[in-house]
Amino acid sequence: MPQGAGRPTRTARVAAALLAALLSLTATPATAAEDATPSGSGAPAVPLRVATYNIHAGAGEDQVFDLDRTAAALRDLRADVIGLQEVDVHWGERSDFTDEARALAEKLRMRVFFAPIYDLDPAAEGGERRQYGVAVLSRHPVLHAENHEITRLSTQTPDPVPAPAPGFAEIVISVKGVRTHVYSTHLDYRADPSIRAAQVDDMLGILADGRGPGVLVGDFNAEPSAPELAPLWHTLRDAAPDAGLTYPAIAPQKRIDLITVSDGITVTGARTHATDASDHRPVVADLRLLREDR
């Protein structure tokens, strides 16, 4: 749940984003049940299975690091594209200094894009840089990948202040010729919603630059009805409202791991996968994409 960790006049922007969220309280998440079959194309829609999983740096609810167990949980999802959060790359002893992004991609025979939130000096001279962030695994060709900045409150510096920092991953994939944007995010875990409100504002600005179907997944550290997430539902829909709770993995009490989709995407099913390979449960959704760009 917790992470290892904007724009003109940062303090004012955070306050404005929170105010916008509070003014949007009447905006409730649009859900898969409200989806209409995409119109505007006579061509058959293209299937895509997406998933999101906070992997807890490869440690299960038992706090034991076991990346093979993580890979097995991911394999069971049979997903085409997976957004990951809490990914260590040579980070530290807790994950045996493993490059988890590369190792999972190899185990699952998938492509990977890793987007670090933190990029620190090696633990020892001559070692690899210590990185922590989010990633996206894909079975489809990746046409473009980018690590965007959004507002963050660092966990690595004393007395942090809200500031732009990387760790919002975007990939553009070709799904049988359909260019599709997939984003993986990890929002702030603190009780104060103001940072998450600013992060939502930043993400929506980035999503607005994309053309074609868009899928945003991740650990939002807030449930869909939270006021700070309300602006999302003017643009996106909740793809898995009835899939089940996700945190903690054993006897979950909250649904904070979300899959959201843009217009032009039909959701045909979604579920939460019961596993204790992390402290979160993964979520998987079956989508259908229009063949034409919007």
C-alpha atoms as a PDB file:
ATOM      1  CA  MET A   1       0.000   0.000   0.000  1.00  0.00           C
ATOM      2  CA  PRO A   2       2.612   2.657   0.925  1.00  0.00           C
ATOM      3  CA  GLN A   3       4.969   3.808  -1.791  1.00  0.00           C
ATOM      4  CA  GLY A   4       8.709   3.811  -1.575  1.00  0.00           C
ATOM      5  CA  ALA A   5       7.904   7.833  -2.417  1.00  0.00           C
ATOM      6  CA  GLY A   6       3.921  20.081 -10.291  1.00  0.00           C
ATOM      7  CA  ARG A   7       3.284  22.698 -12.075  1.00  0.00           C
ATOM      8  CA  PRO A   8       2.990  26.600 -11.621  1.00  0.00           C
ATOM      9  CA  THR A   9       2.957  27.557  -7.965  1.00  0.00           C
ATOM     10  CA  ARG A  10       2.982  24.079  -6.537  1.00  0.00           C
ATOM     11  CA  THR A  11       1.208  24.853  -3.250  1.00  0.00           C
ATOM     12  CA  ALA A  12      -1.566  26.695  -5.065  1.00  0.00           C
ATOM     13  CA  ARG A  13      -1.885  23.861  -7.566  1.00  0.00           C
ATOM     14  CA  VAL A  14      -2.293  21.234  -4.843  1.00  0.00           C
ATOM     15  CA  ALA A  15      -4.942  23.340  -3.126  1.00  0.00           C
ATOM     16  CA  ALA A  16      -6.749  23.966  -6.415  1.00  0.00           C
ATOM     17  CA  ALA A  17      -6.725  20.280  -7.293  1.00  0.00           C
ATOM     18  CA  LEU A  18      -8.194  19.343  -3.924  1.00  0.00           C
ATOM     19  CA  LEU A  19     -10.877  22.018  -4.285  1.00  0.00           C
ATOM     20  CA  ALA A  20     -11.745  20.684  -7.737  1.00  0.00           C
ATOM     21  CA  ALA A  21     -12.090  17.206  -6.293  1.00  0.00           C
ATOM     22  CA  LEU A  22     -14.383  18.414  -3.519  1.00  0.00           C
ATOM     23  CA  LEU A  23     -16.535  20.292  -6.016  1.00  0.00           C
ATOM     24  CA  SER A  24     -16.837  17.057  -8.008  1.00  0.00           C
ATOM     25  CA  LEU A  25     -18.400  15.061  -5.171  1.00  0.00           C
ATOM     26  CA  THR A  26     -21.480  14.465  -7.292  1.00  0.00           C
ATOM     27  CA  ALA A  27     -19.352  12.656  -9.871  1.00  0.00           C
ATOM     28  CA  THR A  28     -19.632   8.959  -9.087  1.00  0.00           C
ATOM     29  CA  PRO A  29     -17.602   6.356 -10.916  1.00  0.00           C
ATOM     30  CA  ALA A  30     -19.117   5.272 -14.206  1.00  0.00           C
ATOM     31  CA  THR A  31     -18.931   1.514 -14.243  1.00  0.00           C
ATOM     32  CA  ALA A  32     -18.790  -1.384 -16.644  1.00  0.00           C
ATOM     33  CA  ALA A  33     -22.513  -1.902 -16.157  1.00  0.00           C
ATOM     34  CA  GLU A  34     -23.066   1.460 -17.839  1.00  0.00           C
ATOM     35  CA  ASP A  35     -20.933   0.602 -20.859  1.00  0.00           C
ATOM     36  CA  ALA A  36     -22.563   0.727 -24.242  1.00  0.00           C
ATOM     37  CA  THR A  37     -21.210  -1.330 -27.103  1.00  0.00           C
ATOM     38  CA  PRO A  38     -18.709   0.929 -28.891  1.00  0.00           C
ATOM     39  CA  SER A  39     -20.219   2.414 -32.009  1.00  0.00           C
ATOM     40  CA  GLY A  40     -18.746   4.032 -35.069  1.00  0.00           C
ATOM     41  CA  SER A  41     -17.067   1.003 -36.597  1.00  0.00           C
ATOM     42  CA  GLY A  42     -18.383  -2.046 -38.411  1.00  0.00           C
ATOM     43  CA  ALA A  43     -15.159  -3.960 -37.807  1.00  0.00           C
ATOM     44  CA  PRO A  44     -15.072  -6.573 -35.011  1.00  0.00           C
ATOM     45  CA  ALA A  45     -13.719  -5.286 -31.709  1.00  0.00           C
ATOM     46  CA  VAL A  46     -10.269  -6.448 -30.576  1.00  0.00           C
ATOM     47  CA  PRO A  47      -9.947  -8.329 -27.262  1.00  0.00           C
ATOM     48  CA  LEU A  48      -7.401  -7.268 -24.638  1.00  0.00           C
ATOM     49  CA  ARG A  49      -6.970  -8.663 -21.131  1.00  0.00           C
ATOM     50  CA  VAL A  50      -5.390  -6.183 -18.720  1.00  0.00           C
ATOM     51  CA  ALA A  51      -4.347  -6.521 -15.098  1.00  0.00           C
ATOM     52  CA  THR A  52      -2.891  -4.491 -12.263  1.00  0.00           C
ATOM     53  CA  TYR A  53      -0.816  -5.792  -9.350  1.00  0.00           C
ATOM     54  CA  ASN A  54       1.073  -4.125  -6.528  1.00  0.00           C
ATOM     55  CA  ILE A  55       3.771  -6.783  -6.077  1.00  0.00           C
ATOM     56  CA  HIS A  56       5.096  -5.495  -2.710  1.00  0.00           C
ATOM     57  CA  ALA A  57       8.688  -5.723  -4.032  1.00  0.00           C
ATOM     58  CA  GLY A  58       8.243  -9.481  -4.477  1.00  0.00           C
ATOM     59  CA  ALA A  59       7.301 -10.224  -0.864  1.00  0.00           C
ATOM     60  CA  GLY A  60       4.084 -11.939   0.145  1.00  0.00           C
ATOM     61  CA  GLU A  61       1.789 -11.358   3.089  1.00  0.00           C
ATOM     62  CA  ASP A  62       4.293 -13.515   4.992  1.00  0.00           C
ATOM     63  CA  GLN A  63       6.981 -10.873   4.244  1.00  0.00           C
ATOM     64  CA  VAL A  64       9.105 -13.529   2.489  1.00  0.00           C
ATOM     65  CA  PHE A  65      10.747 -12.436  -0.769  1.00  0.00           C
ATOM     66  CA  ASP A  66       9.875 -14.976  -3.470  1.00  0.00           C
ATOM     67  CA  LEU A  67       9.831 -13.640  -7.033  1.00  0.00           C
ATOM     68  CA  ASP A  68       8.947 -17.063  -8.429  1.00  0.00           C
ATOM     69  CA  ARG A  69       5.754 -16.892  -6.372  1.00  0.00           C
ATOM     70  CA  THR A  70       5.083 -13.405  -7.754  1.00  0.00           C
ATOM     71  CA  ALA A  71       5.618 -14.648 -11.306  1.00  0.00           C
ATOM     72  CA  ALA A  72       3.280 -17.587 -10.737  1.00  0.00           C
ATOM     73  CA  ALA A  73       0.527 -15.242  -9.525  1.00  0.00           C
ATOM     74  CA  LEU A  74       1.018 -13.066 -12.601  1.00  0.00           C
ATOM     75  CA  ARG A  75       1.038 -16.073 -14.915  1.00  0.00           C
ATOM     76  CA  ASP A  76      -2.296 -17.228 -13.504  1.00  0.00           C
ATOM     77  CA  LEU A  77      -3.899 -13.983 -14.696  1.00  0.00           C
ATOM     78  CA  ARG A  78      -3.222 -14.864 -18.361  1.00  0.00           C
ATOM     79  CA  ALA A  79      -3.167 -11.144 -19.107  1.00  0.00           C
ATOM     80  CA  ASP A  80      -1.898  -9.441 -22.247  1.00  0.00           C
ATOM     81  CA  VAL A  81      -0.691  -6.353 -20.413  1.00  0.00           C
ATOM     82  CA  ILE A  82      -0.051  -5.880 -16.681  1.00  0.00           C
ATOM     83  CA  GLY A  83       0.616  -2.725 -14.702  1.00  0.00           C
ATOM     84  CA  LEU A  84       2.922  -3.331 -11.724  1.00  0.00           C
ATOM     85  CA  GLN A  85       3.588  -1.206  -8.656  1.00  0.00           C
ATOM     86  CA  GLU A  86       6.255  -1.363  -5.923  1.00  0.00           C
ATOM     87  CA  VAL A  87       8.894  -2.762  -8.253  1.00  0.00           C
ATOM     88  CA  ASP A  88      12.504  -2.937  -7.034  1.00  0.00           C
ATOM     89  CA  VAL A  89      15.449  -2.743  -9.417  1.00  0.00           C
ATOM     90  CA  HIS A  90      18.711  -3.375  -7.517  1.00  0.00           C
ATOM     91  CA  TRP A  91      16.991  -1.574  -4.625  1.00  0.00           C
ATOM     92  CA  GLY A  92      18.236  -3.414  -1.574  1.00  0.00           C
ATOM     93  CA  GLU A  93      18.517  -6.502   0.569  1.00  0.00           C
ATOM     94  CA  ARG A  94      14.739  -6.901   0.887  1.00  0.00           C
ATOM     95  CA  SER A  95      14.667  -8.060  -2.754  1.00  0.00           C
ATOM     96  CA  ASP A  96      18.231  -9.422  -2.989  1.00  0.00           C
ATOM     97  CA  PHE A  97      19.180  -6.417  -5.178  1.00  0.00           C
ATOM     98  CA  THR A  98      17.248  -8.120  -8.011  1.00  0.00           C
ATOM     99  CA  ASP A  99      16.177  -6.327 -11.176  1.00  0.00           C
ATOM    100  CA  GLU A 100      12.572  -7.358 -10.662  1.00  0.00           C
ATOM    101  CA  ALA A 101      11.256  -5.747 -13.836  1.00  0.00           C
ATOM    102  CA  ARG A 102      13.651  -7.641 -16.086  1.00  0.00           C
ATOM    103  CA  ALA A 103      13.384 -10.884 -14.098  1.00  0.00           C
ATOM    104  CA  LEU A 104       9.574 -10.956 -14.239  1.00  0.00           C
ATOM    105  CA  ALA A 105       9.586 -10.134 -17.947  1.00  0.00           C
ATOM    106  CA  GLU A 106      11.939 -13.044 -18.581  1.00  0.00           C
ATOM    107  CA  LYS A 107       9.940 -15.457 -16.427  1.00  0.00           C
ATOM    108  CA  LEU A 108       6.704 -14.516 -18.201  1.00  0.00           C
ATOM    109  CA  ARG A 109       8.231 -14.030 -21.669  1.00  0.00           C
ATOM    110  CA  MET A 110       6.800 -10.527 -21.927  1.00  0.00           C
ATOM    111  CA  ARG A 111       8.151  -7.125 -22.867  1.00  0.00           C
ATOM    112  CA  VAL A 112       8.657  -4.678 -20.012  1.00  0.00           C
ATOM    113  CA  PHE A 113       8.936  -0.951 -19.428  1.00  0.00           C
ATOM    114  CA  PHE A 114      10.173   0.148 -16.006  1.00  0.00           C
ATOM    115  CA  ALA A 115       9.495   3.702 -14.785  1.00  0.00           C
ATOM    116  CA  PRO A 116      11.480   4.549 -11.636  1.00  0.00           C
ATOM    117  CA  ILE A 117      10.104   6.897  -9.022  1.00  0.00           C
ATOM    118  CA  TYR A 118      13.470   6.894  -7.242  1.00  0.00           C
ATOM    119  CA  ASP A 119      16.901   6.535  -8.846  1.00  0.00           C
ATOM    120  CA  LEU A 120      19.587   6.535  -6.152  1.00  0.00           C
ATOM    121  CA  ASP A 121      23.335   5.963  -6.010  1.00  0.00           C
ATOM    122  CA  PRO A 122      24.552   2.358  -5.641  1.00  0.00           C
ATOM    123  CA  ALA A 123      24.671   0.846  -2.165  1.00  0.00           C
ATOM    124  CA  ALA A 124      28.362   0.071  -2.744  1.00  0.00           C
ATOM    125  CA  GLU A 125      30.978   1.472  -5.099  1.00  0.00           C
ATOM    126  CA  GLY A 126      30.768  -0.196  -8.495  1.00  0.00           C
ATOM    127  CA  GLY A 127      27.248  -1.494  -7.871  1.00  0.00           C
ATOM    128  CA  GLU A 128      24.066  -0.901  -9.829  1.00  0.00           C
ATOM    129  CA  ARG A 129      21.937   2.183  -9.243  1.00  0.00           C
ATOM    130  CA  ARG A 130      19.138   1.613  -6.759  1.00  0.00           C
ATOM    131  CA  GLN A 131      15.727   2.148  -8.354  1.00  0.00           C
ATOM    132  CA  TYR A 132      12.113   1.754  -7.268  1.00  0.00           C
ATOM    133  CA  GLY A 133       8.935   2.430  -9.191  1.00  0.00           C
ATOM    134  CA  VAL A 134       6.228   1.057 -11.457  1.00  0.00           C
ATOM    135  CA  ALA A 135       6.318  -1.052 -14.604  1.00  0.00           C
ATOM    136  CA  VAL A 136       4.200  -2.378 -17.448  1.00  0.00           C
ATOM    137  CA  LEU A 137       4.494  -5.874 -18.905  1.00  0.00           C
ATOM    138  CA  SER A 138       3.124  -6.479 -22.413  1.00  0.00           C
ATOM    139  CA  ARG A 139       2.704  -9.359 -24.840  1.00  0.00           C
ATOM    140  CA  HIS A 140       2.028  -6.851 -27.620  1.00  0.00           C
ATOM    141  CA  PRO A 141       4.613  -4.736 -29.464  1.00  0.00           C
ATOM    142  CA  VAL A 142       5.480  -1.526 -27.608  1.00  0.00           C
ATOM    143  CA  LEU A 143       5.485   1.436 -29.986  1.00  0.00           C
ATOM    144  CA  HIS A 144       6.341   4.110 -27.418  1.00  0.00           C
ATOM    145  CA  ALA A 145       7.157   4.285 -23.706  1.00  0.00           C
ATOM    146  CA  GLU A 146       7.521   7.250 -21.376  1.00  0.00           C
ATOM    147  CA  ASN A 147       8.092   7.900 -17.680  1.00  0.00           C
ATOM    148  CA  HIS A 148       5.968  10.947 -16.836  1.00  0.00           C
ATOM    149  CA  GLU A 149       6.271  13.228 -13.839  1.00  0.00           C
ATOM    150  CA  ILE A 150       3.366  13.804 -11.475  1.00  0.00           C
ATOM    151  CA  THR A 151       3.183  15.510  -8.090  1.00  0.00           C
ATOM    152  CA  ARG A 152       4.846  13.492  -5.330  1.00  0.00           C
ATOM    153  CA  LEU A 153       5.816  13.842  -1.690  1.00  0.00           C
ATOM    154  CA  SER A 154       9.111  12.015  -1.417  1.00  0.00           C
ATOM    155  CA  THR A 155       9.752   9.330   1.176  1.00  0.00           C
ATOM    156  CA  GLN A 156      13.517   9.621   0.644  1.00  0.00           C
ATOM    157  CA  THR A 157      14.184  13.176   1.838  1.00  0.00           C
ATOM    158  CA  PRO A 158      13.567  14.887   5.187  1.00  0.00           C
ATOM    159  CA  ASP A 159      10.765  17.477   5.319  1.00  0.00           C
ATOM    160  CA  PRO A 160       9.590  16.841   1.734  1.00  0.00           C
ATOM    161  CA  VAL A 161       7.335  19.240  -0.130  1.00  0.00           C
ATOM    162  CA  PRO A 162       5.043  18.431  -3.072  1.00  0.00           C
ATOM    163  CA  ALA A 163       7.073  18.516  -6.279  1.00  0.00           C
ATOM    164  CA  PRO A 164       7.086  16.925  -9.746  1.00  0.00           C
ATOM    165  CA  ALA A 165       8.744  13.511  -9.798  1.00  0.00           C
ATOM    166  CA  PRO A 166       8.752  10.601 -12.248  1.00  0.00           C
ATOM    167  CA  GLY A 167       7.043   7.243 -11.899  1.00  0.00           C
ATOM    168  CA  PHE A 168       3.869   7.494 -13.984  1.00  0.00           C
ATOM    169  CA  ALA A 169       4.410   4.917 -16.730  1.00  0.00           C
ATOM    170  CA  GLU A 170       2.862   5.095 -20.188  1.00  0.00           C
ATOM    171  CA  ILE A 171       3.260   2.621 -23.008  1.00  0.00           C
ATOM    172  CA  VAL A 172       1.603   2.663 -26.412  1.00  0.00           C
ATOM    173  CA  ILE A 173       1.002  -0.833 -27.741  1.00  0.00           C
ATOM    174  CA  SER A 174      -0.331  -2.200 -31.007  1.00  0.00           C
ATOM    175  CA  VAL A 175      -3.183  -4.628 -30.368  1.00  0.00           C
ATOM    176  CA  LYS A 176      -3.891  -6.162 -33.776  1.00  0.00           C
ATOM    177  CA  GLY A 177      -3.325  -2.754 -35.297  1.00  0.00           C
ATOM    178  CA  VAL A 178      -5.175  -0.744 -32.623  1.00  0.00           C
ATOM    179  CA  ARG A 179      -2.870   1.791 -30.945  1.00  0.00           C
ATOM    180  CA  THR A 180      -3.708   1.653 -27.244  1.00  0.00           C
ATOM    181  CA  HIS A 181      -2.289   3.703 -24.371  1.00  0.00           C
ATOM    182  CA  VAL A 182      -1.716   1.851 -21.091  1.00  0.00           C
ATOM    183  CA  TYR A 183      -0.687   3.688 -17.917  1.00  0.00           C
ATOM    184  CA  SER A 184       0.514   2.291 -14.572  1.00  0.00           C
ATOM    185  CA  THR A 185       0.359   4.498 -11.482  1.00  0.00           C
ATOM    186  CA  HIS A 186       0.928   4.416  -7.727  1.00  0.00           C
ATOM    187  CA  LEU A 187      -0.700   7.263  -5.844  1.00  0.00           C
ATOM    188  CA  ASP A 188       0.285   8.667  -2.476  1.00  0.00           C
ATOM    189  CA  TYR A 189      -0.575   6.520   0.548  1.00  0.00           C
ATOM    190  CA  ARG A 190      -0.955   9.207   3.214  1.00  0.00           C
ATOM    191  CA  ALA A 191      -4.251  10.011   4.907  1.00  0.00           C
ATOM    192  CA  ASP A 192      -4.152  13.608   3.592  1.00  0.00           C
ATOM    193  CA  PRO A 193      -5.869  13.434   0.175  1.00  0.00           C
ATOM    194  CA  SER A 194      -4.345  16.633  -1.221  1.00  0.00           C
ATOM    195  CA  ILE A 195      -1.357  14.931  -2.874  1.00  0.00           C
ATOM    196  CA  ARG A 196      -3.585  12.316  -4.517  1.00  0.00           C
ATOM    197  CA  ALA A 197      -5.861  15.120  -5.728  1.00  0.00           C
ATOM    198  CA  ALA A 198      -2.903  16.835  -7.392  1.00  0.00           C
ATOM    199  CA  GLN A 199      -1.746  13.508  -8.850  1.00  0.00           C
ATOM    200  CA  VAL A 200      -5.179  12.894 -10.369  1.00  0.00           C
ATOM    201  CA  ASP A 201      -5.058  16.351 -11.941  1.00  0.00           C
ATOM    202  CA  ASP A 202      -1.588  15.687 -13.355  1.00  0.00           C
ATOM    203  CA  MET A 203      -2.556  12.274 -14.738  1.00  0.00           C
ATOM    204  CA  LEU A 204      -5.648  13.627 -16.446  1.00  0.00           C
ATOM    205  CA  GLY A 205      -3.501  16.263 -18.137  1.00  0.00           C
ATOM    206  CA  ILE A 206      -1.195  13.550 -19.473  1.00  0.00           C
ATOM    207  CA  LEU A 207      -4.063  11.305 -20.558  1.00  0.00           C
ATOM    208  CA  ALA A 208      -5.589  14.213 -22.467  1.00  0.00           C
ATOM    209  CA  ASP A 209      -2.538  14.203 -24.766  1.00  0.00           C
ATOM    210  CA  GLY A 210      -3.198  10.582 -25.801  1.00  0.00           C
ATOM    211  CA  ARG A 211      -5.212   9.656 -28.873  1.00  0.00           C
ATOM    212  CA  GLY A 212      -7.126   6.399 -29.087  1.00  0.00           C
ATOM    213  CA  PRO A 213      -8.202   3.913 -26.408  1.00  0.00           C
ATOM    214  CA  GLY A 214      -6.674   4.475 -22.972  1.00  0.00           C
ATOM    215  CA  VAL A 215      -6.373   2.183 -19.930  1.00  0.00           C
ATOM    216  CA  LEU A 216      -5.186   3.519 -16.568  1.00  0.00           C
ATOM    217  CA  VAL A 217      -4.394   0.943 -13.870  1.00  0.00           C
ATOM    218  CA  GLY A 218      -2.676   0.993 -10.530  1.00  0.00           C
ATOM    219  CA  ASP A 219      -2.684   1.240  -6.768  1.00  0.00           C
ATOM    220  CA  PHE A 220      -4.701   4.414  -6.123  1.00  0.00           C
ATOM    221  CA  ASN A 221      -4.483   4.157  -2.318  1.00  0.00           C
ATOM    222  CA  ALA A 222      -8.106   5.345  -2.280  1.00  0.00           C
ATOM    223  CA  GLU A 223     -11.414   3.707  -3.046  1.00  0.00           C
ATOM    224  CA  PRO A 224     -13.349   4.768  -6.163  1.00  0.00           C
ATOM    225  CA  SER A 225     -15.800   6.874  -4.146  1.00  0.00           C
ATOM    226  CA  ALA A 226     -13.026   8.988  -2.570  1.00  0.00           C
ATOM    227  CA  PRO A 227     -13.496  12.728  -3.298  1.00  0.00           C
ATOM    228  CA  GLU A 228      -9.963  13.119  -4.642  1.00  0.00           C
ATOM    229  CA  LEU A 229     -10.649  10.513  -7.353  1.00  0.00           C
ATOM    230  CA  ALA A 230     -13.923  12.110  -8.453  1.00  0.00           C
ATOM    231  CA  PRO A 231     -12.413  14.070 -11.405  1.00  0.00           C
ATOM    232  CA  LEU A 232     -11.294  10.762 -12.965  1.00  0.00           C
ATOM    233  CA  TRP A 233     -14.890   9.698 -13.545  1.00  0.00           C
ATOM    234  CA  HIS A 234     -15.582  12.577 -15.934  1.00  0.00           C
ATOM    235  CA  THR A 235     -13.109  10.958 -18.348  1.00  0.00           C
ATOM    236  CA  LEU A 236     -12.726   7.297 -17.367  1.00  0.00           C
ATOM    237  CA  ARG A 237     -14.896   4.390 -16.226  1.00  0.00           C
ATOM    238  CA  ASP A 238     -14.325   1.874 -13.455  1.00  0.00           C
ATOM    239  CA  ALA A 239     -13.808  -1.450 -15.248  1.00  0.00           C
ATOM    240  CA  ALA A 240     -14.108  -3.727 -12.217  1.00  0.00           C
ATOM    241  CA  PRO A 241     -16.690  -2.349  -9.755  1.00  0.00           C
ATOM    242  CA  ASP A 242     -17.896  -5.807  -8.738  1.00  0.00           C
ATOM    243  CA  ALA A 243     -14.611  -7.707  -8.976  1.00  0.00           C
ATOM    244  CA  GLY A 244     -13.959  -7.740  -5.233  1.00  0.00           C
ATOM    245  CA  LEU A 245     -11.777  -6.078  -2.604  1.00  0.00           C
ATOM    246  CA  THR A 246      -8.013  -5.925  -3.060  1.00  0.00           C
ATOM    247  CA  TYR A 247      -6.276  -4.865   0.163  1.00  0.00           C
ATOM    248  CA  PRO A 248      -4.975  -6.472   2.268  1.00  0.00           C
ATOM    249  CA  ALA A 249      -4.517  -9.698   0.335  1.00  0.00           C
ATOM    250  CA  ILE A 250      -5.785 -11.869   3.190  1.00  0.00           C
ATOM    251  CA  ALA A 251      -9.308 -10.869   4.300  1.00  0.00           C
ATOM    252  CA  PRO A 252      -9.317  -7.685   2.133  1.00  0.00           C
ATOM    253  CA  GLN A 253     -11.233  -4.652   3.399  1.00  0.00           C
ATOM    254  CA  LYS A 254     -10.737  -2.080   0.621  1.00  0.00           C
ATOM    255  CA  ARG A 255     -10.796  -1.832  -3.161  1.00  0.00           C
ATOM    256  CA  ILE A 256      -7.875   0.463  -3.946  1.00  0.00           C
ATOM    257  CA  ASP A 257      -6.322  -1.369  -6.928  1.00  0.00           C
ATOM    258  CA  LEU A 258      -8.238  -0.203  -9.960  1.00  0.00           C
ATOM    259  CA  ILE A 259      -8.553  -0.706 -13.705  1.00  0.00           C
ATOM    260  CA  THR A 260     -10.108   2.261 -15.498  1.00  0.00           C
ATOM    261  CA  VAL A 261     -10.893   2.701 -19.192  1.00  0.00           C
ATOM    262  CA  SER A 262     -11.679   5.463 -21.645  1.00  0.00           C
ATOM    263  CA  ASP A 263     -14.663   5.764 -23.969  1.00  0.00           C
ATOM    264  CA  GLY A 264     -14.633   3.348 -26.869  1.00  0.00           C
ATOM    265  CA  ILE A 265     -13.684   0.370 -24.698  1.00  0.00           C
ATOM    266  CA  THR A 266     -16.189  -2.294 -23.688  1.00  0.00           C
ATOM    267  CA  VAL A 267     -15.622  -4.299 -20.501  1.00  0.00           C
ATOM    268  CA  THR A 268     -16.801  -7.900 -20.835  1.00  0.00           C
ATOM    269  CA  GLY A 269     -15.670  -9.197 -17.441  1.00  0.00           C
ATOM    270  CA  ALA A 270     -13.423  -8.530 -14.443  1.00  0.00           C
ATOM    271  CA  ARG A 271     -12.263 -10.333 -11.339  1.00  0.00           C
ATOM    272  CA  THR A 272      -9.923 -10.088  -8.380  1.00  0.00           C
ATOM    273  CA  HIS A 273      -7.471 -12.975  -8.070  1.00  0.00           C
ATOM    274  CA  ALA A 274      -7.084 -14.460  -4.577  1.00  0.00           C
ATOM    275  CA  THR A 275      -3.372 -14.878  -3.814  1.00  0.00           C
ATOM    276  CA  ASP A 276      -1.051 -14.039  -0.927  1.00  0.00           C
ATOM    277  CA  ALA A 277       1.995 -13.503  -3.167  1.00  0.00           C
ATOM    278  CA  SER A 278       1.809  -9.795  -2.209  1.00  0.00           C
ATOM    279  CA  ASP A 279      -0.026  -7.726   0.390  1.00  0.00           C
ATOM    280  CA  HIS A 280      -2.447  -6.720  -2.403  1.00  0.00           C
ATOM    281  CA  ARG A 281      -4.611  -8.842  -4.681  1.00  0.00           C
ATOM    282  CA  PRO A 282      -4.304  -8.423  -8.448  1.00  0.00           C
ATOM    283  CA  VAL A 283      -7.248  -7.369 -10.613  1.00  0.00           C
ATOM    284  CA  VAL A 284      -7.832  -8.521 -14.191  1.00  0.00           C
ATOM    285  CA  ALA A 285     -10.359  -7.259 -16.758  1.00  0.00           C
ATOM    286  CA  ASP A 286     -11.343  -8.401 -20.254  1.00  0.00           C
ATOM    287  CA  LEU A 287     -11.766  -5.522 -22.686  1.00  0.00           C
ATOM    288  CA  ARG A 288     -12.798  -5.068 -26.298  1.00  0.00           C
ATOM    289  CA  LEU A 289     -11.250  -2.238 -28.346  1.00  0.00           C
ATOM    290  CA  LEU A 290     -12.494  -0.551 -31.490  1.00  0.00           C
ATOM    291  CA  ARG A 291     -10.308  -1.178 -34.515  1.00  0.00           C
ATOM    292  CA  GLU A 292     -10.278   2.447 -35.568  1.00  0.00           C
ATOM    293  CA  ASP A 293      -8.506   5.364 -33.864  1.00  0.00           C
ATOM    294  CA  ARG A 294     -10.797   7.886 -32.245  1.00  0.00           C
END
